[in-house]
Protein backbone atom coordinates (compact mmCIF):
# COMPACT_ATOMS: atom_id res chain seq x y z
CA MET A 1 37.03 -103.35 -2.16
CA GLU A 2 37.62 -101.87 1.27
CA LYS A 3 37.40 -98.16 2.08
CA ILE A 4 40.47 -97.17 4.09
CA SER A 5 42.07 -94.03 5.50
CA PHE A 6 45.38 -93.03 7.01
CA LYS A 7 47.13 -89.84 8.05
CA THR A 8 50.27 -88.42 6.45
CA ARG A 9 53.26 -87.08 8.35
CA ASP A 10 52.01 -83.53 7.71
CA GLY A 11 48.52 -84.24 8.99
CA VAL A 12 46.45 -84.89 5.86
CA THR A 13 43.79 -87.58 6.11
CA ILE A 14 44.05 -89.66 2.94
CA LYS A 15 41.14 -91.85 1.82
CA GLY A 16 41.68 -94.87 -0.37
CA ASN A 17 40.09 -97.89 -2.02
CA TYR A 18 41.98 -101.05 -1.06
CA PHE A 19 41.61 -104.20 -3.13
CA LYS A 20 42.89 -107.06 -0.98
CA PRO A 21 45.04 -109.79 -2.56
CA LEU A 22 43.63 -113.23 -3.29
CA LYS A 23 46.91 -115.01 -2.54
CA LYS A 24 49.72 -114.84 -0.01
CA HIS A 25 52.92 -112.86 -0.58
CA ALA A 26 51.19 -110.85 -3.30
CA PRO A 27 52.71 -107.95 -5.21
CA VAL A 28 50.96 -104.63 -4.76
CA PHE A 29 49.99 -101.85 -7.16
CA ILE A 30 49.70 -98.22 -5.99
CA LEU A 31 47.40 -96.18 -8.24
CA LEU A 32 47.61 -92.38 -8.52
CA HIS A 33 44.87 -90.44 -10.30
CA MET A 34 45.12 -87.42 -12.59
CA MET A 35 43.90 -83.90 -11.87
CA PRO A 36 40.99 -83.41 -11.68
CA SER A 37 39.91 -86.93 -10.83
CA THR A 38 39.61 -89.32 -7.90
CA LYS A 39 40.62 -92.79 -6.80
CA GLU A 40 37.46 -94.21 -8.40
CA SER A 41 38.96 -93.64 -11.86
CA TRP A 42 41.07 -96.76 -11.16
CA ASN A 43 38.27 -99.08 -10.00
CA GLU A 44 38.04 -101.27 -13.11
CA PHE A 45 41.83 -101.46 -13.44
CA ALA A 46 42.17 -102.38 -9.76
CA GLU A 47 39.53 -105.09 -10.02
CA ILE A 48 41.54 -106.77 -12.78
CA ILE A 49 44.66 -106.55 -10.63
CA GLN A 50 42.81 -108.19 -7.74
CA LYS A 51 41.37 -110.97 -9.93
CA ASN A 52 44.95 -111.82 -10.90
CA GLY A 53 45.90 -112.36 -7.26
CA CYS A 54 47.60 -109.04 -6.54
CA ALA A 55 46.68 -106.18 -4.25
CA ALA A 56 45.86 -102.64 -5.34
CA LEU A 57 45.50 -99.37 -3.48
CA ALA A 58 44.02 -96.30 -5.17
CA ILE A 59 44.15 -93.11 -3.12
CA ASP A 60 42.65 -89.66 -3.36
CA LEU A 61 45.64 -87.34 -3.44
CA ARG A 62 45.43 -84.39 -1.06
CA GLY A 63 42.87 -81.80 -2.03
CA HIS A 64 40.98 -84.27 -4.23
CA GLY A 65 37.91 -86.42 -3.65
CA GLU A 66 37.65 -87.37 0.01
CA SER A 67 41.21 -86.36 1.00
CA THR A 68 40.42 -82.77 1.92
CA ASP A 69 41.26 -82.45 5.62
CA GLN A 70 44.62 -81.36 7.04
CA ASN A 71 44.36 -81.02 10.80
CA GLY A 72 40.92 -79.42 10.50
CA ILE A 73 41.78 -77.21 7.52
CA ARG A 74 39.95 -77.95 4.26
CA LEU A 75 42.19 -78.57 1.24
CA ASP A 76 41.25 -77.88 -2.38
CA TYR A 77 43.68 -78.73 -5.17
CA LYS A 78 42.30 -75.82 -7.22
CA GLU A 79 43.96 -73.46 -4.76
CA PHE A 80 47.32 -75.29 -4.62
CA MET A 81 50.63 -73.73 -5.51
CA ASP A 82 53.27 -76.01 -7.04
CA GLU A 83 54.84 -76.77 -3.66
CA GLU A 84 51.50 -78.01 -2.32
CA HIS A 85 51.16 -80.39 -5.27
CA ARG A 86 54.68 -81.65 -4.63
CA ASN A 87 53.68 -82.33 -1.02
CA SER A 88 51.53 -85.14 -2.42
CA MET A 89 54.70 -87.20 -2.16
CA ASN A 90 53.81 -87.51 1.53
CA ASP A 91 50.55 -89.17 0.49
CA ILE A 92 52.42 -91.86 -1.43
CA ALA A 93 54.92 -92.46 1.37
CA SER A 94 52.07 -92.90 3.85
CA ALA A 95 50.23 -95.20 1.42
CA LYS A 96 53.27 -97.46 1.45
CA GLU A 97 53.32 -97.39 5.27
CA PHE A 98 49.66 -98.45 5.29
CA LEU A 99 50.40 -101.32 2.93
CA ALA A 100 53.40 -102.42 5.01
CA GLY A 101 50.98 -102.99 7.87
CA GLN A 102 48.81 -105.39 5.87
CA THR A 103 49.26 -109.15 5.81
CA ASP A 104 50.02 -111.30 2.77
CA LEU A 105 51.82 -108.58 0.79
CA ASP A 106 55.31 -108.80 -0.66
CA MET A 107 56.50 -105.25 -0.11
CA SER A 108 59.61 -105.87 -2.20
CA ARG A 109 57.38 -106.14 -5.30
CA ILE A 110 55.66 -102.80 -5.81
CA ALA A 111 54.26 -101.36 -9.03
CA ILE A 112 53.00 -97.80 -9.35
CA ALA A 113 50.63 -96.55 -12.04
CA GLY A 114 49.97 -92.84 -12.35
CA ALA A 115 48.01 -90.60 -14.68
CA SER A 116 49.04 -87.05 -15.62
CA ILE A 117 50.35 -85.42 -12.42
CA GLY A 118 50.00 -88.87 -10.86
CA ALA A 119 52.45 -90.17 -13.45
CA ASN A 120 55.06 -87.59 -12.49
CA LEU A 121 54.52 -88.32 -8.80
CA ALA A 122 54.82 -92.07 -9.47
CA LEU A 123 58.14 -91.54 -11.21
CA TRP A 124 59.46 -89.31 -8.45
CA HIS A 125 58.55 -91.84 -5.75
CA ALA A 126 60.06 -94.69 -7.76
CA THR A 127 63.44 -92.95 -7.79
CA ILE A 128 63.61 -92.99 -3.98
CA ASP A 129 61.92 -96.32 -3.19
CA LYS A 130 64.03 -99.39 -3.95
CA ASP A 131 60.97 -101.65 -3.64
CA VAL A 132 59.33 -100.23 -6.78
CA ARG A 133 60.02 -102.65 -9.62
CA LEU A 134 58.00 -101.04 -12.36
CA ILE A 135 55.97 -97.96 -13.20
CA MET A 136 53.19 -97.27 -15.68
CA LEU A 137 53.02 -93.63 -16.74
CA LEU A 138 49.83 -92.41 -18.41
CA SER A 139 50.17 -89.00 -20.07
CA PRO A 140 53.24 -87.79 -18.16
CA GLY A 141 54.67 -84.30 -18.60
CA LEU A 142 58.28 -83.21 -18.58
CA ASN A 143 57.40 -80.57 -15.99
CA TYR A 144 54.09 -80.92 -14.21
CA ARG A 145 53.56 -78.43 -11.37
CA GLY A 146 57.29 -78.33 -10.78
CA ILE A 147 57.70 -82.12 -10.79
CA MET A 148 60.48 -82.53 -13.34
CA ALA A 149 60.09 -85.95 -14.96
CA ASP A 150 63.10 -85.50 -17.24
CA GLU A 151 65.32 -85.01 -14.18
CA PHE A 152 63.96 -88.08 -12.39
CA ALA A 153 63.86 -90.50 -15.35
CA PRO A 154 67.63 -91.25 -15.48
CA LYS A 155 67.51 -92.28 -11.82
CA PHE A 156 64.96 -95.10 -12.19
CA LYS A 157 66.42 -98.36 -13.46
CA GLY A 158 63.28 -100.51 -13.29
CA HIS A 159 60.72 -101.35 -15.97
CA VAL A 160 58.69 -98.52 -17.51
CA PHE A 161 55.54 -98.46 -19.67
CA ILE A 162 54.61 -95.02 -21.03
CA LEU A 163 51.19 -94.44 -22.60
CA ALA A 164 49.93 -91.28 -24.31
CA SER A 165 47.59 -90.15 -27.08
CA GLU A 166 48.85 -88.56 -30.29
CA GLY A 167 46.34 -85.71 -30.11
CA ASP A 168 47.29 -84.95 -26.51
CA THR A 169 50.33 -83.21 -27.96
CA LYS A 170 52.11 -82.07 -24.82
CA SER A 171 51.92 -85.50 -23.21
CA ALA A 172 52.83 -87.31 -26.43
CA ASP A 173 55.91 -85.14 -26.96
CA SER A 174 56.91 -85.51 -23.30
CA SER A 175 56.43 -89.28 -23.48
CA ARG A 176 58.68 -89.63 -26.51
CA LYS A 177 61.43 -87.62 -24.83
CA LEU A 178 61.15 -89.54 -21.57
CA ALA A 179 61.27 -92.88 -23.36
CA GLY A 180 64.78 -92.03 -24.52
CA ILE A 181 66.01 -91.13 -21.04
CA PHE A 182 65.18 -94.14 -18.85
CA PRO A 183 68.18 -96.47 -18.41
CA GLY A 184 66.12 -99.65 -18.02
CA GLU A 185 63.57 -101.48 -20.15
CA THR A 186 61.11 -98.90 -21.49
CA LYS A 187 57.99 -99.44 -23.58
CA LEU A 188 56.30 -96.50 -25.28
CA LYS A 189 52.81 -96.71 -26.78
CA ILE A 190 51.19 -93.76 -28.53
CA LEU A 191 47.48 -94.14 -29.19
CA LYS A 192 45.32 -92.45 -31.79
CA GLY A 193 42.94 -89.78 -30.52
CA ASP A 194 43.38 -87.13 -27.87
CA MET A 195 42.37 -88.81 -24.60
CA HIS A 196 44.37 -88.01 -21.46
CA GLY A 197 45.34 -90.16 -18.46
CA THR A 198 42.85 -92.83 -17.39
CA ASN A 199 40.42 -91.53 -20.03
CA MET A 200 42.53 -93.59 -22.45
CA PHE A 201 41.38 -96.79 -20.75
CA ASN A 202 39.43 -99.45 -22.59
CA PRO A 203 39.50 -103.22 -22.00
CA GLU A 204 42.26 -103.81 -24.56
CA ILE A 205 44.55 -101.09 -23.19
CA MET A 206 44.07 -102.20 -19.59
CA ASP A 207 44.78 -105.81 -20.54
CA GLU A 208 47.96 -104.82 -22.40
CA LEU A 209 49.25 -102.72 -19.52
CA LEU A 210 48.58 -105.38 -16.92
CA LYS A 211 49.85 -108.30 -18.98
CA TRP A 212 53.11 -106.38 -19.30
CA ALA A 213 53.14 -105.63 -15.57
CA PHE A 214 52.29 -109.14 -14.38
CA GLU A 215 55.19 -110.55 -16.40
CA ARG A 216 57.64 -108.23 -14.61
CA ILE A 217 56.43 -107.71 -11.05
């Protein structure tokens, strides 16, 4: 794993954990954490991705973890209004620009996994980036901080895996509704319990998600 950083178009310094590919022309996975969390919540998942020959980049979204500087002003997600959360789209766009500057990546084969607000951001980005082939949405919401997943879902025609817990009622209900909206191949899995986002991870769940992704990327 390599610690990296880059600056967004609106001046936020984003820190990330980059897992370099073990083969040439590798697909790449962009990993977006939930709130509150950090890029480290994806470490085990990213290590499996890397062991399978692909690249992975987990970033701290603005105001989280180490991504707290915007042109000398300190950012804290706890103080964000909805618009400031939506500005995290700049973080994802700049993450792609960073990856485009790396060698041995196939930038036409991108997967994005997101948890909670990261899931909604992943979906939004996928609707405007033709290089995204598949998305994995962990505990998405129909409306998370003004990011309207039910409006974006009909626009993404790639592969979708949605994961939620039954006891996490809002996310489970949102996931069921979203699963009926996507026009492409969509897999919905509802787990027992009430875990949210990457807290749902265990070895079996991670293996199932990535087996599905590796067959489609």
